[in-house]
Protein backbone atom coordinates (compact mmCIF):
# COMPACT_ATOMS: atom_id res chain seq x y z
CA MET A 1 -24.77 -5.87 45.42
CA THR A 2 -22.97 -9.09 46.26
CA ASP A 3 -19.97 -10.07 44.15
CA HIS A 4 -20.28 -13.77 43.42
CA THR A 5 -17.08 -13.91 41.34
CA ALA A 6 -14.82 -16.80 42.32
CA TYR A 7 -11.18 -15.94 42.95
CA ARG A 8 -7.85 -17.69 43.09
CA ILE A 9 -4.90 -16.45 45.13
CA GLU A 10 -1.62 -15.74 43.36
CA SER A 11 1.64 -14.56 44.88
CA ASP A 12 4.68 -12.59 43.77
CA SER A 13 7.59 -10.82 45.52
CA LEU A 14 5.21 -8.11 46.75
CA GLY A 15 2.77 -10.49 48.38
CA SER A 16 -0.53 -12.17 47.46
CA LEU A 17 -3.53 -10.99 45.49
CA SER A 18 -6.94 -12.29 44.51
CA VAL A 19 -7.39 -12.90 40.78
CA PRO A 20 -10.76 -13.78 39.20
CA GLN A 21 -10.83 -17.54 38.73
CA ASP A 22 -11.97 -17.26 35.11
CA ALA A 23 -9.23 -14.75 34.19
CA TYR A 24 -6.42 -15.96 31.99
CA TYR A 25 -4.22 -13.18 33.25
CA GLY A 26 -2.40 -13.41 36.57
CA ILE A 27 -1.10 -11.36 39.47
CA HIS A 28 1.19 -9.06 37.53
CA THR A 29 -1.64 -8.07 35.19
CA ALA A 30 -4.04 -7.69 38.12
CA ARG A 31 -1.66 -5.24 39.80
CA ALA A 32 -1.16 -3.37 36.51
CA LYS A 33 -4.93 -3.15 36.08
CA ASP A 34 -5.13 -1.19 39.34
CA ASN A 35 -1.95 0.82 38.87
CA PHE A 36 -2.37 1.93 35.24
CA ARG A 37 -5.77 3.38 34.39
CA ALA A 38 -4.84 6.68 32.79
CA GLY A 39 -5.64 5.80 29.21
CA GLY A 40 -8.83 3.91 29.87
CA ARG A 41 -8.04 1.43 27.11
CA PRO A 42 -5.65 -1.50 26.63
CA ALA A 43 -2.42 -1.28 24.68
CA ASN A 44 -2.74 -1.53 20.92
CA LEU A 45 -3.89 -5.03 19.98
CA LEU A 46 -1.52 -5.21 17.02
CA LEU A 47 1.39 -4.70 19.38
CA LEU A 48 0.11 -7.33 21.80
CA ARG A 49 -0.30 -9.86 19.02
CA ALA A 50 3.22 -9.06 17.84
CA ILE A 51 4.42 -9.88 21.36
CA VAL A 52 2.57 -13.19 21.04
CA ARG A 53 4.49 -13.80 17.80
CA VAL A 54 7.74 -13.40 19.71
CA LYS A 55 6.50 -15.87 22.34
CA GLN A 56 5.54 -18.27 19.57
CA ALA A 57 9.03 -18.08 18.07
CA ALA A 58 10.66 -18.48 21.49
CA ALA A 59 8.62 -21.60 22.29
CA GLU A 60 9.55 -23.11 18.93
CA VAL A 61 13.25 -22.37 19.38
CA ASN A 62 13.35 -23.39 23.05
CA GLY A 63 11.64 -26.64 22.16
CA ARG A 64 14.08 -27.23 19.32
CA ILE A 65 17.15 -26.71 21.54
CA HIS A 66 15.57 -28.81 24.34
CA ALA A 67 15.38 -25.89 26.75
CA LEU A 68 11.66 -26.67 27.04
CA PRO A 69 10.09 -30.14 27.10
CA GLN A 70 8.15 -30.74 23.88
CA LYS A 71 4.92 -31.09 25.82
CA LYS A 72 5.28 -27.58 27.24
CA ALA A 73 6.49 -26.09 23.97
CA GLN A 74 3.53 -27.50 22.05
CA ALA A 75 1.03 -26.26 24.63
CA ILE A 76 2.52 -22.76 24.47
CA LEU A 77 2.43 -22.83 20.67
CA GLU A 78 -1.23 -23.84 20.67
CA ALA A 79 -2.08 -21.10 23.17
CA CYS A 80 -0.28 -18.57 20.97
CA ARG A 81 -2.28 -19.70 17.96
CA GLU A 82 -5.54 -19.21 19.83
CA ILE A 83 -4.56 -15.72 20.97
CA LEU A 84 -3.51 -14.75 17.45
CA GLU A 85 -6.96 -15.86 16.28
CA GLY A 86 -8.49 -13.35 18.71
CA ARG A 87 -10.02 -15.85 21.14
CA LEU A 88 -8.56 -14.29 24.29
CA ASP A 89 -8.51 -10.58 23.45
CA ALA A 90 -10.70 -9.79 26.47
CA HIS A 91 -7.87 -10.86 28.78
CA LEU A 92 -5.23 -8.53 27.27
CA ILE A 93 -6.16 -5.62 29.48
CA VAL A 94 -3.12 -3.63 30.62
CA ASP A 95 -3.58 0.08 29.97
CA ALA A 96 -1.83 1.71 27.03
CA TYR A 97 -0.23 4.29 29.34
CA GLN A 98 1.89 2.23 31.69
CA GLY A 99 5.19 2.53 33.46
CA GLY A 100 7.89 -0.10 33.27
CA ALA A 101 9.02 0.07 29.62
CA GLY A 102 6.31 -2.38 28.60
CA THR A 103 6.91 -5.01 31.28
CA SER A 104 3.24 -5.15 32.22
CA SER A 105 2.11 -5.76 28.64
CA ASN A 106 4.78 -8.42 28.26
CA MET A 107 3.66 -10.08 31.49
CA ASN A 108 0.00 -9.81 30.52
CA VAL A 109 0.81 -11.83 27.40
CA ASN A 110 3.01 -14.25 29.36
CA GLU A 111 0.26 -14.92 31.90
CA VAL A 112 -2.51 -15.40 29.35
CA ILE A 113 -0.36 -17.81 27.34
CA ALA A 114 0.65 -19.67 30.50
CA ASN A 115 -2.87 -20.09 31.84
CA ARG A 116 -4.30 -21.20 28.53
CA SER A 117 -1.39 -23.64 28.14
CA ILE A 118 -2.11 -25.00 31.61
CA GLU A 119 -5.70 -25.68 30.58
CA LEU A 120 -4.56 -27.40 27.40
CA LEU A 121 -2.42 -29.71 29.55
CA GLY A 122 -5.37 -30.53 31.80
CA GLY A 123 -4.57 -28.20 34.69
CA VAL A 124 -6.41 -25.26 36.23
CA LYS A 125 -5.54 -21.60 35.81
CA GLY A 126 -2.94 -20.38 38.26
CA ASP A 127 -1.15 -23.74 38.65
CA TYR A 128 2.18 -22.45 37.44
CA SER A 129 3.94 -25.69 38.33
CA ILE A 130 2.60 -26.89 34.97
CA ILE A 131 3.51 -23.87 32.83
CA HIS A 132 5.18 -20.81 34.36
CA PRO A 133 4.69 -17.33 32.82
CA ILE A 134 8.35 -16.41 33.26
CA ASP A 135 10.31 -19.66 33.51
CA ASP A 136 8.57 -21.19 30.50
CA VAL A 137 6.74 -18.62 28.38
CA ASN A 138 9.32 -15.86 28.90
CA LEU A 139 12.29 -18.26 28.82
CA HIS A 140 15.52 -16.59 27.56
CA GLN A 141 13.69 -13.29 27.08
CA SER A 142 13.36 -9.89 28.66
CA THR A 143 10.70 -7.26 28.09
CA ASN A 144 13.58 -5.14 26.84
CA ASP A 145 14.23 -7.30 23.80
CA VAL A 146 10.68 -8.61 23.34
CA TYR A 147 8.95 -5.21 23.26
CA PRO A 148 11.15 -3.36 20.70
CA THR A 149 11.15 -6.46 18.50
CA ALA A 150 7.37 -6.75 18.69
CA LEU A 151 6.90 -3.07 17.92
CA ARG A 152 8.85 -3.49 14.70
CA ILE A 153 6.76 -6.53 13.79
CA ALA A 154 3.59 -4.48 14.38
CA VAL A 155 4.77 -1.41 12.46
CA ILE A 156 6.21 -2.93 9.27
CA PRO A 157 2.95 -4.40 7.87
CA LEU A 158 1.14 -1.12 8.57
CA LEU A 159 3.86 0.79 6.75
CA ARG A 160 3.50 -1.49 3.75
CA GLN A 161 -0.27 -1.06 3.71
CA LEU A 162 0.00 2.72 4.05
CA SER A 163 2.50 2.84 1.20
CA GLU A 164 -0.03 1.00 -0.98
CA GLU A 165 -2.83 3.36 0.06
CA LEU A 166 -0.70 6.37 -0.81
CA ALA A 167 0.05 4.77 -4.19
CA ALA A 168 -3.69 4.47 -4.78
CA LEU A 169 -4.14 8.11 -3.73
CA GLN A 170 -1.37 9.15 -6.12
CA GLU A 171 -3.11 7.32 -8.97
CA ALA A 172 -6.41 9.00 -8.11
CA PHE A 173 -4.74 12.43 -8.29
CA GLN A 174 -3.17 11.47 -11.62
CA ALA A 175 -6.60 10.47 -12.94
CA LYS A 176 -7.90 13.94 -12.05
CA GLU A 177 -4.80 15.45 -13.64
CA ARG A 178 -5.72 13.75 -16.93
CA GLU A 179 -9.43 14.53 -16.59
CA TYR A 180 -8.83 18.29 -16.25
CA ALA A 181 -5.69 18.57 -18.38
CA ASP A 182 -7.26 21.25 -20.63
CA LEU A 183 -9.24 23.34 -18.14
CA LEU A 184 -7.75 26.74 -17.37
CA ARG A 185 -8.07 27.78 -13.75
CA LEU A 186 -6.98 30.84 -11.82
CA GLY A 187 -3.81 30.25 -9.85
CA ARG A 188 -3.50 31.93 -6.48
CA THR A 189 -0.54 32.95 -4.35
CA GLN A 190 -0.98 34.30 -0.82
CA LEU A 191 -4.73 33.81 -1.44
CA MET A 192 -4.63 36.47 -4.18
CA ASP A 193 -5.08 36.08 -7.94
CA ALA A 194 -1.90 34.90 -9.63
CA LEU A 195 -0.91 33.37 -12.97
CA PRO A 196 -3.34 30.99 -14.66
CA ILE A 197 -2.79 27.25 -14.41
CA LEU A 198 -4.40 24.17 -15.85
CA ALA A 199 -6.66 22.54 -13.29
CA GLY A 200 -4.95 19.24 -14.01
CA GLN A 201 -1.60 20.71 -13.03
CA SER A 202 -2.75 21.32 -9.47
CA PHE A 203 -3.79 17.68 -9.18
CA GLY A 204 -0.41 16.72 -10.61
CA ALA A 205 1.31 18.65 -7.84
CA CYS A 206 -0.73 16.68 -5.29
CA ALA A 207 0.28 13.44 -7.00
CA LYS A 208 3.98 14.36 -6.82
CA ALA A 209 3.79 15.17 -3.12
CA THR A 210 1.95 11.91 -2.43
CA ALA A 211 4.51 9.96 -4.45
CA ARG A 212 7.31 11.34 -2.28
CA ASP A 213 5.48 10.32 0.89
CA ARG A 214 4.84 6.86 -0.48
CA TRP A 215 8.49 6.30 -1.40
CA ARG A 216 9.91 7.67 1.84
CA LEU A 217 7.68 5.41 3.95
CA TYR A 218 8.43 2.40 1.77
CA LYS A 219 12.18 2.89 2.21
CA SER A 220 11.97 3.42 5.97
CA GLU A 221 11.18 -0.27 6.47
CA GLU A 222 14.85 -1.12 5.93
CA ARG A 223 15.86 0.26 9.32
CA LEU A 224 12.95 -1.42 11.08
CA ARG A 225 13.99 -4.94 10.10
CA GLU A 226 16.88 -4.98 12.58
CA ILE A 227 15.69 -6.61 15.82
CA ASN A 228 17.30 -6.98 19.24
CA ILE A 229 15.68 -10.25 20.32
CA GLY A 230 18.25 -12.30 22.17
CA GLY A 231 19.81 -9.21 23.70
CA THR A 232 17.73 -9.76 26.89
CA ALA A 233 17.77 -6.94 29.46
CA VAL A 234 20.48 -4.55 28.29
CA GLY A 235 21.58 -5.96 24.94
CA THR A 236 24.43 -8.15 26.16
CA GLY A 237 22.44 -11.37 25.76
CA MET A 238 23.00 -12.53 29.33
CA ASN A 239 20.89 -15.63 30.23
CA ALA A 240 20.17 -16.46 26.57
CA PRO A 241 22.11 -19.35 24.96
CA LEU A 242 23.81 -18.67 21.64
CA ASP A 243 21.82 -21.29 19.73
CA TYR A 244 18.62 -19.56 20.89
CA ILE A 245 19.95 -16.08 20.02
CA TYR A 246 20.99 -17.03 16.50
CA ALA A 247 17.79 -18.96 15.75
CA MET A 248 15.23 -16.39 16.90
CA ALA A 249 15.52 -13.95 14.00
CA ASP A 250 15.27 -16.82 11.50
CA VAL A 251 12.13 -18.23 13.09
CA LEU A 252 10.50 -14.82 13.43
CA ARG A 253 11.27 -14.14 9.78
CA GLU A 254 9.46 -17.37 8.84
CA LEU A 255 6.49 -16.71 11.13
CA THR A 256 5.93 -13.10 10.07
CA GLY A 257 7.04 -13.11 6.45
CA LEU A 258 9.06 -9.97 7.21
CA GLY A 259 12.73 -9.56 6.34
CA LEU A 260 13.86 -9.41 9.97
CA TYR A 261 17.51 -9.86 10.89
CA ARG A 262 19.44 -10.02 14.15
CA SER A 263 21.12 -6.81 15.22
CA ASP A 264 24.90 -7.04 15.29
CA PHE A 265 24.85 -4.74 18.33
CA PRO A 266 21.65 -5.38 20.32
CA MET A 267 22.58 -2.82 22.97
CA ASP A 268 21.91 -0.11 20.40
CA THR A 269 18.49 -1.40 19.37
CA THR A 270 17.53 -1.98 23.00
CA GLN A 271 18.09 1.57 24.20
CA ASN A 272 17.81 3.78 21.10
CA MET A 273 14.41 4.46 19.56
CA ASP A 274 15.47 6.85 16.80
CA VAL A 275 14.29 4.51 14.03
CA PHE A 276 10.73 5.01 15.27
CA VAL A 277 11.28 8.78 15.34
CA GLU A 278 12.34 8.53 11.71
CA VAL A 279 9.17 6.68 10.75
CA SER A 280 7.00 9.05 12.78
CA GLY A 281 8.70 12.01 11.15
CA LEU A 282 7.89 10.63 7.71
CA LEU A 283 4.29 10.10 8.80
CA LYS A 284 4.28 13.72 9.92
CA ALA A 285 5.62 14.82 6.52
CA ALA A 286 2.80 12.88 4.85
CA ALA A 287 0.30 14.43 7.26
CA VAL A 288 1.59 17.92 6.43
CA ASN A 289 0.95 17.28 2.73
CA LEU A 290 -2.48 15.84 3.44
CA LEU A 291 -3.41 18.79 5.64
CA LYS A 292 -2.35 21.20 2.90
CA ILE A 293 -4.42 19.25 0.36
CA SER A 294 -7.37 19.24 2.75
CA ASN A 295 -7.15 23.00 3.17
CA ASP A 296 -6.86 23.57 -0.59
CA PHE A 297 -9.94 21.47 -1.27
CA ARG A 298 -11.92 23.37 1.36
CA LEU A 299 -10.86 26.75 -0.03
CA LEU A 300 -11.54 25.89 -3.67
CA SER A 301 -14.97 24.50 -2.82
CA SER A 302 -15.86 27.38 -0.49
CA GLY A 303 -19.18 29.15 -0.89
CA PRO A 304 -20.19 28.20 -3.39
CA ALA A 305 -22.13 31.43 -3.93
CA GLY A 306 -20.04 33.47 -1.50
CA GLY A 307 -16.68 31.83 -2.03
CA ILE A 308 -14.43 30.41 -4.73
CA GLY A 309 -16.73 27.56 -5.68
CA GLU A 310 -14.50 26.01 -8.33
CA TYR A 311 -14.33 22.54 -6.79
CA ILE A 312 -17.58 20.66 -6.34
CA LEU A 313 -17.08 18.13 -3.56
CA PRO A 314 -19.49 15.20 -3.28
CA ALA A 315 -22.31 15.82 -0.82
CA VAL A 316 -22.05 13.06 1.78
CA GLN A 317 -23.51 14.64 4.93
CA ALA A 318 -26.17 17.19 5.80
CA GLY A 319 -24.23 20.20 7.00
CA SER A 320 -26.35 21.97 9.57
CA SER A 321 -29.13 21.49 12.09
CA ILE A 322 -30.39 25.03 11.51
CA MET A 323 -29.38 26.01 7.95
CA PRO A 324 -31.41 23.97 5.43
CA GLY A 325 -29.52 22.66 2.44
CA LYS A 326 -26.07 23.47 3.81
CA VAL A 327 -23.39 20.93 2.86
CA ASN A 328 -19.92 21.08 4.33
CA PRO A 329 -16.59 19.64 3.10
CA VAL A 330 -16.64 17.03 5.86
CA ILE A 331 -14.40 14.42 4.23
CA ALA A 332 -11.68 16.99 3.64
CA GLU A 333 -12.16 18.14 7.24
CA MET A 334 -11.84 14.55 8.45
CA LEU A 335 -8.56 14.18 6.56
CA GLY A 336 -7.29 17.42 8.07
CA SER A 337 -8.26 16.29 11.58
CA VAL A 338 -6.37 13.03 11.16
CA ALA A 339 -3.35 14.91 9.83
CA MET A 340 -3.37 17.17 12.89
CA ARG A 341 -3.44 14.15 15.19
CA VAL A 342 -0.54 12.52 13.36
CA ILE A 343 1.48 15.71 13.67
CA ALA A 344 0.71 15.83 17.40
CA ASN A 345 1.60 12.14 17.82
CA ASP A 346 5.00 12.83 16.29
CA THR A 347 5.74 15.13 19.19
CA ALA A 348 4.91 12.32 21.64
CA VAL A 349 7.14 9.88 19.75
CA THR A 350 9.98 12.41 19.70
CA LEU A 351 9.74 13.18 23.41
CA ALA A 352 9.46 9.51 24.36
CA ALA A 353 12.51 8.53 22.32
CA ALA A 354 14.54 11.43 23.68
CA SER A 355 13.58 10.59 27.28
CA GLY A 356 15.27 7.20 27.33
CA GLN A 357 18.10 6.92 29.82
CA LEU A 358 21.23 4.82 29.76
CA GLU A 359 20.53 1.21 28.73
CA LEU A 360 16.74 1.37 28.33
CA ASN A 361 13.86 3.61 27.29
CA ALA A 362 11.10 3.49 29.89
CA PHE A 363 8.71 5.43 27.65
CA THR A 364 8.53 3.00 24.74
CA PRO A 365 4.84 2.20 25.51
CA VAL A 366 3.69 5.77 24.86
CA LEU A 367 5.90 5.89 21.78
CA ALA A 368 4.31 2.67 20.52
CA GLU A 369 0.80 3.90 21.20
CA ALA A 370 1.35 7.18 19.35
CA LEU A 371 3.13 5.61 16.37
CA LEU A 372 0.62 2.82 15.87
CA GLU A 373 -2.28 5.24 16.23
CA SER A 374 -0.80 7.46 13.52
CA LEU A 375 -0.39 4.54 11.15
CA GLU A 376 -3.89 3.21 11.77
CA LEU A 377 -5.49 6.66 11.45
CA LEU A 378 -3.81 7.31 8.11
CA LEU A 379 -4.65 3.82 6.89
CA ARG A 380 -8.34 4.51 7.48
CA ALA A 381 -8.44 8.19 6.46
CA VAL A 382 -6.54 8.07 3.17
CA PRO A 383 -8.85 5.59 1.39
CA LEU A 384 -11.92 7.38 2.78
CA PHE A 385 -10.70 10.65 1.31
CA ARG A 386 -9.87 9.00 -2.00
CA GLU A 387 -13.16 7.13 -2.29
CA ARG A 388 -15.61 9.65 -0.81
CA CYS A 389 -14.10 12.94 -1.89
CA LEU A 390 -11.38 12.93 -4.53
CA SER A 391 -12.73 10.30 -6.91
CA SER A 392 -16.14 11.98 -7.19
CA LEU A 393 -14.87 15.56 -7.20
CA THR A 394 -15.81 17.68 -10.22
CA LEU A 395 -14.96 21.22 -11.26
CA ASP A 396 -17.35 24.01 -12.15
CA GLU A 397 -15.82 24.82 -15.53
CA ALA A 398 -17.90 27.95 -16.09
CA ARG A 399 -16.84 29.31 -12.69
CA CYS A 400 -13.19 28.58 -13.47
CA ARG A 401 -13.42 30.49 -16.80
CA GLU A 402 -15.24 33.38 -15.17
CA HIS A 403 -12.57 33.81 -12.50
CA VAL A 404 -9.77 33.80 -15.07
CA GLU A 405 -11.54 36.29 -17.33
CA ARG A 406 -12.53 38.69 -14.54
CA SER A 407 -9.13 38.71 -12.82
CA GLY A 408 -7.01 40.28 -15.56
CA VAL A 409 -4.14 37.91 -14.70
CA MET A 410 -3.83 36.87 -18.34
CA ALA A 411 -2.24 40.26 -18.94
CA ALA A 412 1.01 38.75 -17.68
CA ALA A 413 1.20 36.82 -20.96
CA THR A 414 1.52 40.11 -22.87
CA ILE A 415 4.47 41.52 -20.92
CA ALA A 416 7.02 40.41 -23.49
CA TYR A 417 5.08 42.24 -26.22
CA LEU A 418 3.57 45.28 -24.54
CA GLY A 419 5.85 45.88 -21.59
CA TYR A 420 5.11 45.51 -17.89
CA ASP A 421 3.53 48.95 -17.41
CA THR A 422 1.07 48.58 -20.28
CA ALA A 423 0.22 45.01 -19.25
CA SER A 424 -0.37 46.24 -15.70
CA GLU A 425 -2.77 48.95 -16.86
CA LEU A 426 -4.68 46.45 -18.96
CA ALA A 427 -4.92 44.05 -16.03
CA LYS A 428 -6.30 46.77 -13.77
CA ALA A 429 -8.77 47.85 -16.42
CA ALA A 430 -9.99 44.30 -16.95
CA ALA A 431 -10.41 43.72 -13.21
CA ALA A 432 -12.16 47.04 -12.64
CA SER A 433 -14.56 46.76 -15.56
CA GLY A 434 -15.15 43.03 -15.45
CA ARG A 435 -14.55 42.95 -19.19
CA PRO A 436 -12.39 40.19 -20.70
CA LEU A 437 -8.77 41.10 -21.38
CA GLU A 438 -9.15 39.93 -24.97
CA GLN A 439 -11.78 42.57 -25.59
CA LEU A 440 -9.53 45.34 -24.22
CA LEU A 441 -6.60 44.16 -26.32
CA LEU A 442 -8.71 44.25 -29.47
CA GLU A 443 -10.39 47.59 -28.75
CA GLY A 444 -7.06 49.24 -27.94
CA GLY A 445 -5.42 47.88 -31.03
CA TRP A 446 -2.76 46.13 -29.00
CA MET A 447 -3.17 42.74 -30.69
CA THR A 448 -5.13 41.11 -33.45
CA GLY A 449 -7.58 38.33 -32.76
CA LYS A 450 -5.11 35.85 -34.21
CA GLN A 451 -2.34 37.09 -31.96
CA ILE A 452 -4.58 37.06 -28.91
CA HIS A 453 -5.62 33.49 -29.60
CA LYS A 454 -2.03 32.33 -29.82
CA VAL A 455 -0.55 34.35 -26.97
CA LEU A 456 -3.40 33.72 -24.52
CA HIS A 457 -3.98 30.10 -25.44
CA PRO A 458 -4.27 27.94 -22.24
CA LEU A 459 -1.41 25.69 -23.30
CA GLU A 460 0.81 28.74 -23.96
CA VAL A 461 0.21 30.45 -20.61
CA THR A 462 0.71 27.29 -18.54
CA LYS A 463 4.07 26.06 -19.81
CA PRO A 464 7.68 27.29 -19.52
CA GLY A 465 8.75 30.11 -21.81
CA ILE A 466 7.18 33.22 -23.25
CA PRO A 467 3.57 32.68 -24.39
CA GLY A 468 3.30 32.65 -28.19
CA ARG A 469 7.01 33.21 -28.69
CA SER A 470 7.16 30.61 -31.42
CA GLN A 471 4.73 32.80 -33.39
CA TRP A 472 5.77 36.30 -32.32
CA THR A 473 9.08 38.01 -31.64
CA VAL A 474 9.71 39.72 -28.31
CA ARG A 475 8.95 43.46 -28.17
CA ASN A 476 11.65 45.79 -29.45
CA MET A 477 13.78 47.92 -27.18
CA GLU A 478 11.52 50.98 -27.53
CA GLY A 479 8.55 48.96 -26.25
CA GLY A 480 5.34 47.94 -27.92
CA LEU A 481 4.87 45.67 -30.92
CA SER A 482 6.59 46.30 -34.22
CA GLN A 483 4.52 46.59 -37.37
CA ASP A 484 5.72 43.16 -38.44
CA GLU A 485 4.50 41.68 -35.14
CA LEU A 486 1.09 43.23 -35.53
CA GLU A 487 0.52 41.72 -38.97
């Protein structure tokens, strides 16, 4: 097949290369397209647009301090606006997994802005005498201060959104806590029958864990606001005038609406990526809680005939191609899958940050890809779980009562009155016979119906203290109930 694509020739220090005439990118991007194909997808678009924001701020500042002619500055600003509107996304093509500490993504953005600016000024793509990708678009910048600054700009809004989603999830758990505040359910430790709990209490525990995750992520933004723009290649600020350096953080703060501020030691923020490890670690902590919740929901809904069957999850998907009527806990499984990926991504972020050497971290692109993926995954998964699983979840109240009654665990409430050994025998008898503990207590003459009602009341056995102690005294030293206690 004949390739009828028209090409233009561009040159760099390595030589010349043909670039498609209709491409807004240039020679550096063309080389990167061939060199970096491992991921099979471009770098995260949110990061690339954040880089465009930095270019937008730089053009505004450089125009203001007369480092760029107004005509060039305005063309660059207009090109940035178009890219931020999504008009040229198809030309931001450098692979997510690239060498060079992000230089190729930075140059991809520089070239697209330059070529669109050239067109706006009446020229043709590739005529860099009109607008140059480095001399004009990248003026007073280095990839090494642009990329870490842009990553912060990309991460902070996602963190804010995720914090809000976790707040909504917390509220949904609290709603379930209120809905099932009076339903007694069998507690389980090490997957075995344990003390009874109120079903609402288990949702309350989920709400508390989610609240911690929400608050930790919200607070982590503080360390992300410090940016190294103006530090250029190694953080010393060489080749960037002071009026540019001091103005950049202010302009970026106005453009983004984020509380960004200039680092007082840009060398630190240029080479050290620990703030991103902190954020990723907090995402991992949230993922750990979500995975635990996912597993609990799957266990409690298991069966239902052959499992626990206390939770009734909404049926959203046919479960099998061979077993008619089977419905699986797919939304809980989806949440667990996302949590696993976030936990794995944290390892990539950690290794990338630790692998930086001397004045720069060459692995920031893989760190950025993993961190942004984690944020975006959680942002999509959390509301799906809330809307399609948690909010419509119900409990099989009869099943919950049956499990409590058949287990004999309520015998623990009688320890203070009957002694551990007697309570243990009653528990075993209840479990073996399948008869309610209350019936055994009455038949054996251990307690009256009135006493049983008070000692085994759901609100008594699920709060601190000895069940029924306000009504009954603790057993005497010889064991058993005194005559006064029995009356």
